[in-house]
Amino acid sequence: MSRRVLVIINCSRRKSVRIELVKERLGLVPGFDLEREDEYVSALSDLMRPALDMYDGPEFRILRRFRSCVNVFVLSARYGIISGERWIIPYDAYLGSTNETVLSKWMAYGNPDMNELVSSRWDYVIIRLTKTYMRYFRRLVHDPCGLGSEIHIITGRGRYLNCGNVIYHYVRGPGDSQSVLRKLLAETCPSISNYSK
């Protein structure tokens, strides 16, 4: 029986859809205004993608190679907790530029995949969140230590969870974190041997 592998990562600023196209069509770029989602979905339906394909940072490119053997969840500045397979609009939002009122907006309109994340028991968990996003994650997920049997956290510094089942991987920068993420994924998905550095 194969292991249930979970990756939790924050959204990336880089998207696979040009933000200029969105601005041309709407006259603005959606941000934290999640209450207008239906209006934006209607206007941008042809530009929507699954989250794993919409976010185009380097770590997402790595995750796409392993999508057949891992479950990816994203902490999105716009949506809160979403599955990597959830279709989303292109937007521009960053948690470092807002305050904690975004939590109440997520509770009212967002976090569509929170229940799936917390009600499942994962065998192997990889968490790759920046310090800012980790702070919000800990506010959203009440028992992060209970997510899985073995939890790996890729971080620059700090100890974010006090659990006996956590292994920290301290990295010096983005290139370092991509390397650790690739290594952990290769160990959990040995059948996917065709990955490049």
C-alpha atoms as a PDB file:
ATOM      1  CA  MET A   1       0.000   0.000   0.000  1.00  0.00           C
ATOM      2  CA  SER A   2       1.424   3.416  -0.922  1.00  0.00           C
ATOM      3  CA  ARG A   3       1.883   6.177   1.601  1.00  0.00           C
ATOM      4  CA  ARG A   4      -0.416   9.193   1.656  1.00  0.00           C
ATOM      5  CA  VAL A   5       1.898  12.144   1.077  1.00  0.00           C
ATOM      6  CA  LEU A   6       0.859  15.737   1.778  1.00  0.00           C
ATOM      7  CA  VAL A   7       2.662  18.930   0.768  1.00  0.00           C
ATOM      8  CA  ILE A   8       1.559  22.284   2.202  1.00  0.00           C
ATOM      9  CA  ILE A   9       3.067  25.319   0.487  1.00  0.00           C
ATOM     10  CA  ASN A  10       2.270  29.012   0.251  1.00  0.00           C
ATOM     11  CA  CYS A  11       1.135  30.614  -2.983  1.00  0.00           C
ATOM     12  CA  SER A  12       3.667  32.231  -5.289  1.00  0.00           C
ATOM     13  CA  ARG A  13       3.511  35.710  -6.715  1.00  0.00           C
ATOM     14  CA  ARG A  14       4.397  34.397 -10.173  1.00  0.00           C
ATOM     15  CA  LYS A  15       1.355  33.059 -12.022  1.00  0.00           C
ATOM     16  CA  SER A  16       1.122  31.125 -15.285  1.00  0.00           C
ATOM     17  CA  VAL A  17      -1.381  33.699 -16.603  1.00  0.00           C
ATOM     18  CA  ARG A  18      -0.155  37.206 -17.394  1.00  0.00           C
ATOM     19  CA  ILE A  19      -1.638  39.605 -14.839  1.00  0.00           C
ATOM     20  CA  GLU A  20      -1.766  42.300 -17.561  1.00  0.00           C
ATOM     21  CA  LEU A  21      -4.486  40.260 -19.313  1.00  0.00           C
ATOM     22  CA  VAL A  22      -6.557  40.337 -16.121  1.00  0.00           C
ATOM     23  CA  LYS A  23      -6.083  44.084 -15.688  1.00  0.00           C
ATOM     24  CA  GLU A  24      -7.024  44.755 -19.323  1.00  0.00           C
ATOM     25  CA  ARG A  25     -10.235  42.782 -18.906  1.00  0.00           C
ATOM     26  CA  LEU A  26     -11.328  43.952 -15.440  1.00  0.00           C
ATOM     27  CA  GLY A  27      -9.599  47.304 -15.068  1.00  0.00           C
ATOM     28  CA  LEU A  28      -8.052  45.928 -11.871  1.00  0.00           C
ATOM     29  CA  VAL A  29      -6.336  42.831 -10.538  1.00  0.00           C
ATOM     30  CA  PRO A  30      -8.247  40.821  -7.909  1.00  0.00           C
ATOM     31  CA  GLY A  31      -6.546  40.724  -4.529  1.00  0.00           C
ATOM     32  CA  PHE A  32      -8.118  40.141  -1.133  1.00  0.00           C
ATOM     33  CA  ASP A  33     -11.647  40.958  -2.403  1.00  0.00           C
ATOM     34  CA  LEU A  34     -12.845  37.354  -2.189  1.00  0.00           C
ATOM     35  CA  GLU A  35     -16.449  38.499  -1.798  1.00  0.00           C
ATOM     36  CA  ARG A  36     -16.364  39.357  -5.544  1.00  0.00           C
ATOM     37  CA  GLU A  37     -15.232  35.854  -6.589  1.00  0.00           C
ATOM     38  CA  ASP A  38     -18.394  34.970  -8.569  1.00  0.00           C
ATOM     39  CA  GLU A  39     -18.098  38.157 -10.625  1.00  0.00           C
ATOM     40  CA  TYR A  40     -14.416  37.475 -11.357  1.00  0.00           C
ATOM     41  CA  VAL A  41     -14.968  33.802 -12.195  1.00  0.00           C
ATOM     42  CA  SER A  42     -17.585  34.845 -14.741  1.00  0.00           C
ATOM     43  CA  ALA A  43     -15.238  37.366 -16.374  1.00  0.00           C
ATOM     44  CA  LEU A  44     -12.065  35.273 -16.181  1.00  0.00           C
ATOM     45  CA  SER A  45     -13.323  31.710 -16.681  1.00  0.00           C
ATOM     46  CA  ASP A  46     -11.024  31.114 -19.663  1.00  0.00           C
ATOM     47  CA  LEU A  47      -7.978  32.198 -17.618  1.00  0.00           C
ATOM     48  CA  MET A  48      -8.666  29.897 -14.665  1.00  0.00           C
ATOM     49  CA  ARG A  49      -6.338  26.967 -13.859  1.00  0.00           C
ATOM     50  CA  PRO A  50      -5.908  24.410 -11.074  1.00  0.00           C
ATOM     51  CA  ALA A  51      -3.883  26.088  -8.309  1.00  0.00           C
ATOM     52  CA  LEU A  52      -0.938  23.752  -8.920  1.00  0.00           C
ATOM     53  CA  ASP A  53      -0.818  25.018 -12.525  1.00  0.00           C
ATOM     54  CA  MET A  54      -1.697  28.668 -11.787  1.00  0.00           C
ATOM     55  CA  TYR A  55       1.177  29.261  -9.371  1.00  0.00           C
ATOM     56  CA  ASP A  56       4.427  29.243 -11.287  1.00  0.00           C
ATOM     57  CA  GLY A  57       7.172  29.719  -8.723  1.00  0.00           C
ATOM     58  CA  PRO A  58      10.132  27.290  -8.894  1.00  0.00           C
ATOM     59  CA  GLU A  59       8.782  25.057  -6.108  1.00  0.00           C
ATOM     60  CA  PHE A  60       5.482  24.651  -7.963  1.00  0.00           C
ATOM     61  CA  ARG A  61       7.378  23.498 -11.048  1.00  0.00           C
ATOM     62  CA  ILE A  62       8.952  20.786  -8.887  1.00  0.00           C
ATOM     63  CA  LEU A  63       5.571  19.841  -7.370  1.00  0.00           C
ATOM     64  CA  ARG A  64       3.959  19.462 -10.801  1.00  0.00           C
ATOM     65  CA  ARG A  65       6.464  16.717 -11.639  1.00  0.00           C
ATOM     66  CA  PHE A  66       5.320  14.759  -8.577  1.00  0.00           C
ATOM     67  CA  ARG A  67       1.583  15.517  -8.711  1.00  0.00           C
ATOM     68  CA  SER A  68       0.646  11.896  -9.400  1.00  0.00           C
ATOM     69  CA  CYS A  69       1.966  10.717  -6.026  1.00  0.00           C
ATOM     70  CA  VAL A  70       1.419  13.679  -3.653  1.00  0.00           C
ATOM     71  CA  ASN A  71      -1.531  15.728  -2.433  1.00  0.00           C
ATOM     72  CA  VAL A  72      -0.730  19.435  -2.550  1.00  0.00           C
ATOM     73  CA  PHE A  73      -2.538  22.055  -0.487  1.00  0.00           C
ATOM     74  CA  VAL A  74      -1.779  25.748  -0.816  1.00  0.00           C
ATOM     75  CA  LEU A  75      -2.118  28.506   1.737  1.00  0.00           C
ATOM     76  CA  SER A  76      -3.269  31.231  -0.631  1.00  0.00           C
ATOM     77  CA  ALA A  77      -3.331  34.891   0.331  1.00  0.00           C
ATOM     78  CA  ARG A  78      -6.635  35.214  -1.528  1.00  0.00           C
ATOM     79  CA  TYR A  79      -8.371  31.930  -0.757  1.00  0.00           C
ATOM     80  CA  GLY A  80      -6.947  30.538   2.476  1.00  0.00           C
ATOM     81  CA  ILE A  81      -6.500  26.755   2.339  1.00  0.00           C
ATOM     82  CA  ILE A  82      -7.078  25.284  -1.121  1.00  0.00           C
ATOM     83  CA  SER A  83      -6.261  21.997  -2.823  1.00  0.00           C
ATOM     84  CA  GLY A  84      -3.657  22.140  -5.560  1.00  0.00           C
ATOM     85  CA  GLU A  85      -6.346  20.797  -7.889  1.00  0.00           C
ATOM     86  CA  ARG A  86      -8.889  23.563  -7.155  1.00  0.00           C
ATOM     87  CA  TRP A  87      -9.490  25.872 -10.122  1.00  0.00           C
ATOM     88  CA  ILE A  88      -8.733  29.506  -9.286  1.00  0.00           C
ATOM     89  CA  ILE A  89      -8.553  32.894 -10.988  1.00  0.00           C
ATOM     90  CA  PRO A  90      -5.281  34.785 -11.466  1.00  0.00           C
ATOM     91  CA  TYR A  91      -4.848  37.379  -8.699  1.00  0.00           C
ATOM     92  CA  ASP A  92      -2.229  39.408  -6.873  1.00  0.00           C
ATOM     93  CA  ALA A  93      -2.176  39.302  -3.071  1.00  0.00           C
ATOM     94  CA  TYR A  94       0.520  38.807  -0.429  1.00  0.00           C
ATOM     95  CA  LEU A  95      -0.093  38.132   3.265  1.00  0.00           C
ATOM     96  CA  GLY A  96       2.819  40.334   4.278  1.00  0.00           C
ATOM     97  CA  SER A  97       0.905  43.358   2.959  1.00  0.00           C
ATOM     98  CA  THR A  98      -2.314  42.783   4.929  1.00  0.00           C
ATOM     99  CA  ASN A  99      -3.401  42.197   8.519  1.00  0.00           C
ATOM    100  CA  GLU A 100      -5.251  39.474  10.350  1.00  0.00           C
ATOM    101  CA  THR A 101      -8.671  40.693   9.202  1.00  0.00           C
ATOM    102  CA  VAL A 102      -8.004  38.436   6.205  1.00  0.00           C
ATOM    103  CA  LEU A 103      -8.720  35.488   8.536  1.00  0.00           C
ATOM    104  CA  SER A 104     -12.368  36.531   8.938  1.00  0.00           C
ATOM    105  CA  LYS A 105     -12.676  36.957   5.157  1.00  0.00           C
ATOM    106  CA  TRP A 106     -11.333  33.418   4.667  1.00  0.00           C
ATOM    107  CA  MET A 107     -13.810  32.132   7.256  1.00  0.00           C
ATOM    108  CA  ALA A 108     -16.697  33.820   5.435  1.00  0.00           C
ATOM    109  CA  TYR A 109     -15.736  33.125   1.804  1.00  0.00           C
ATOM    110  CA  GLY A 110     -12.587  30.999   1.648  1.00  0.00           C
ATOM    111  CA  ASN A 111     -10.846  27.874   2.980  1.00  0.00           C
ATOM    112  CA  PRO A 112     -12.848  25.644   0.616  1.00  0.00           C
ATOM    113  CA  ASP A 113     -10.585  22.638   1.138  1.00  0.00           C
ATOM    114  CA  MET A 114      -9.798  23.015   4.838  1.00  0.00           C
ATOM    115  CA  ASN A 115     -11.983  20.080   5.860  1.00  0.00           C
ATOM    116  CA  GLU A 116     -10.290  17.754   3.372  1.00  0.00           C
ATOM    117  CA  LEU A 117      -6.880  18.804   4.717  1.00  0.00           C
ATOM    118  CA  VAL A 118      -7.596  18.388   8.439  1.00  0.00           C
ATOM    119  CA  SER A 119      -9.941  15.398   8.319  1.00  0.00           C
ATOM    120  CA  SER A 120      -7.447  13.210   6.461  1.00  0.00           C
ATOM    121  CA  ARG A 121      -4.616  11.356   8.142  1.00  0.00           C
ATOM    122  CA  TRP A 122      -1.427  11.669   6.131  1.00  0.00           C
ATOM    123  CA  ASP A 123       1.536   9.318   6.437  1.00  0.00           C
ATOM    124  CA  TYR A 124       4.143  11.842   5.353  1.00  0.00           C
ATOM    125  CA  VAL A 125       3.789  15.642   5.471  1.00  0.00           C
ATOM    126  CA  ILE A 126       6.065  18.289   3.956  1.00  0.00           C
ATOM    127  CA  ILE A 127       5.398  21.881   5.026  1.00  0.00           C
ATOM    128  CA  ARG A 128       7.078  24.652   3.053  1.00  0.00           C
ATOM    129  CA  LEU A 129       5.718  27.976   4.300  1.00  0.00           C
ATOM    130  CA  THR A 130       7.496  31.292   4.799  1.00  0.00           C
ATOM    131  CA  LYS A 131       7.498  32.726   8.308  1.00  0.00           C
ATOM    132  CA  THR A 132       4.547  35.037   7.510  1.00  0.00           C
ATOM    133  CA  TYR A 133       2.458  32.255   5.992  1.00  0.00           C
ATOM    134  CA  MET A 134       3.352  29.856   8.834  1.00  0.00           C
ATOM    135  CA  ARG A 135       1.894  32.353  11.312  1.00  0.00           C
ATOM    136  CA  TYR A 136      -1.430  32.341   9.456  1.00  0.00           C
ATOM    137  CA  PHE A 137      -1.336  28.565   8.994  1.00  0.00           C
ATOM    138  CA  ARG A 138      -1.023  28.046  12.743  1.00  0.00           C
ATOM    139  CA  ARG A 139      -4.082  30.259  13.251  1.00  0.00           C
ATOM    140  CA  LEU A 140      -6.097  28.246  10.715  1.00  0.00           C
ATOM    141  CA  VAL A 141      -5.084  24.675  11.552  1.00  0.00           C
ATOM    142  CA  HIS A 142      -5.667  24.017  15.238  1.00  0.00           C
ATOM    143  CA  ASP A 143      -3.694  20.761  15.465  1.00  0.00           C
ATOM    144  CA  PRO A 144      -0.943  20.836  12.827  1.00  0.00           C
ATOM    145  CA  CYS A 145       0.956  18.114  14.732  1.00  0.00           C
ATOM    146  CA  GLY A 146      -1.969  15.768  14.134  1.00  0.00           C
ATOM    147  CA  LEU A 147      -1.835  16.094  10.346  1.00  0.00           C
ATOM    148  CA  GLY A 148       0.484  13.147   9.883  1.00  0.00           C
ATOM    149  CA  SER A 149       2.776  10.512  11.305  1.00  0.00           C
ATOM    150  CA  GLU A 150       5.958  12.165  10.031  1.00  0.00           C
ATOM    151  CA  ILE A 151       6.157  15.915   9.404  1.00  0.00           C
ATOM    152  CA  HIS A 152       9.016  17.637   7.582  1.00  0.00           C
ATOM    153  CA  ILE A 153       9.277  21.428   7.779  1.00  0.00           C
ATOM    154  CA  ILE A 154      11.495  23.294   5.310  1.00  0.00           C
ATOM    155  CA  THR A 155      12.374  26.658   6.843  1.00  0.00           C
ATOM    156  CA  GLY A 156      15.074  29.293   7.149  1.00  0.00           C
ATOM    157  CA  ARG A 157      15.047  29.292  10.929  1.00  0.00           C
ATOM    158  CA  GLY A 158      12.824  28.859  13.946  1.00  0.00           C
ATOM    159  CA  ARG A 159      10.844  26.020  15.395  1.00  0.00           C
ATOM    160  CA  TYR A 160       7.203  26.497  14.527  1.00  0.00           C
ATOM    161  CA  LEU A 161       5.661  23.313  15.875  1.00  0.00           C
ATOM    162  CA  ASN A 162       6.452  21.541  19.119  1.00  0.00           C
ATOM    163  CA  CYS A 163       5.714  17.985  18.089  1.00  0.00           C
ATOM    164  CA  GLY A 164       7.707  14.815  18.495  1.00  0.00           C
ATOM    165  CA  ASN A 165       7.008  13.835  14.894  1.00  0.00           C
ATOM    166  CA  VAL A 166       8.606  16.922  13.257  1.00  0.00           C
ATOM    167  CA  ILE A 167      11.902  16.968  11.371  1.00  0.00           C
ATOM    168  CA  TYR A 168      13.280  20.416  10.510  1.00  0.00           C
ATOM    169  CA  HIS A 169      15.238  21.080   7.328  1.00  0.00           C
ATOM    170  CA  TYR A 170      16.982  24.447   7.696  1.00  0.00           C
ATOM    171  CA  VAL A 171      17.766  26.155   4.415  1.00  0.00           C
ATOM    172  CA  ARG A 172      19.702  29.284   3.467  1.00  0.00           C
ATOM    173  CA  GLY A 173      17.600  30.492   0.563  1.00  0.00           C
ATOM    174  CA  PRO A 174      15.161  29.632  -2.229  1.00  0.00           C
ATOM    175  CA  GLY A 175      17.614  27.421  -4.149  1.00  0.00           C
ATOM    176  CA  ASP A 176      18.335  25.472  -0.991  1.00  0.00           C
ATOM    177  CA  SER A 177      14.637  24.973  -0.230  1.00  0.00           C
ATOM    178  CA  GLN A 178      13.941  23.761  -3.789  1.00  0.00           C
ATOM    179  CA  SER A 179      16.739  21.244  -3.446  1.00  0.00           C
ATOM    180  CA  VAL A 180      15.403  19.911  -0.119  1.00  0.00           C
ATOM    181  CA  LEU A 181      11.838  19.767  -1.470  1.00  0.00           C
ATOM    182  CA  ARG A 182      13.003  17.836  -4.553  1.00  0.00           C
ATOM    183  CA  LYS A 183      14.983  15.402  -2.380  1.00  0.00           C
ATOM    184  CA  LEU A 184      12.060  14.741   0.005  1.00  0.00           C
ATOM    185  CA  LEU A 185       9.661  14.227  -2.899  1.00  0.00           C
ATOM    186  CA  ALA A 186      12.066  11.867  -4.664  1.00  0.00           C
ATOM    187  CA  GLU A 187      12.304   9.792  -1.469  1.00  0.00           C
ATOM    188  CA  THR A 188       8.525   9.564  -1.112  1.00  0.00           C
ATOM    189  CA  CYS A 189       7.866   8.960  -4.819  1.00  0.00           C
ATOM    190  CA  PRO A 190      10.556   6.505  -5.936  1.00  0.00           C
ATOM    191  CA  SER A 191       8.485   5.527  -8.964  1.00  0.00           C
ATOM    192  CA  ILE A 192       9.032   9.002 -10.384  1.00  0.00           C
ATOM    193  CA  SER A 193      12.685   8.757 -11.216  1.00  0.00           C
ATOM    194  CA  ASN A 194      12.633  11.172 -14.137  1.00  0.00           C
ATOM    195  CA  TYR A 195      13.146  14.449 -12.325  1.00  0.00           C
ATOM    196  CA  SER A 196      15.728  17.039 -13.099  1.00  0.00           C
ATOM    197  CA  LYS A 197      17.686  19.322 -10.857  1.00  0.00           C
END
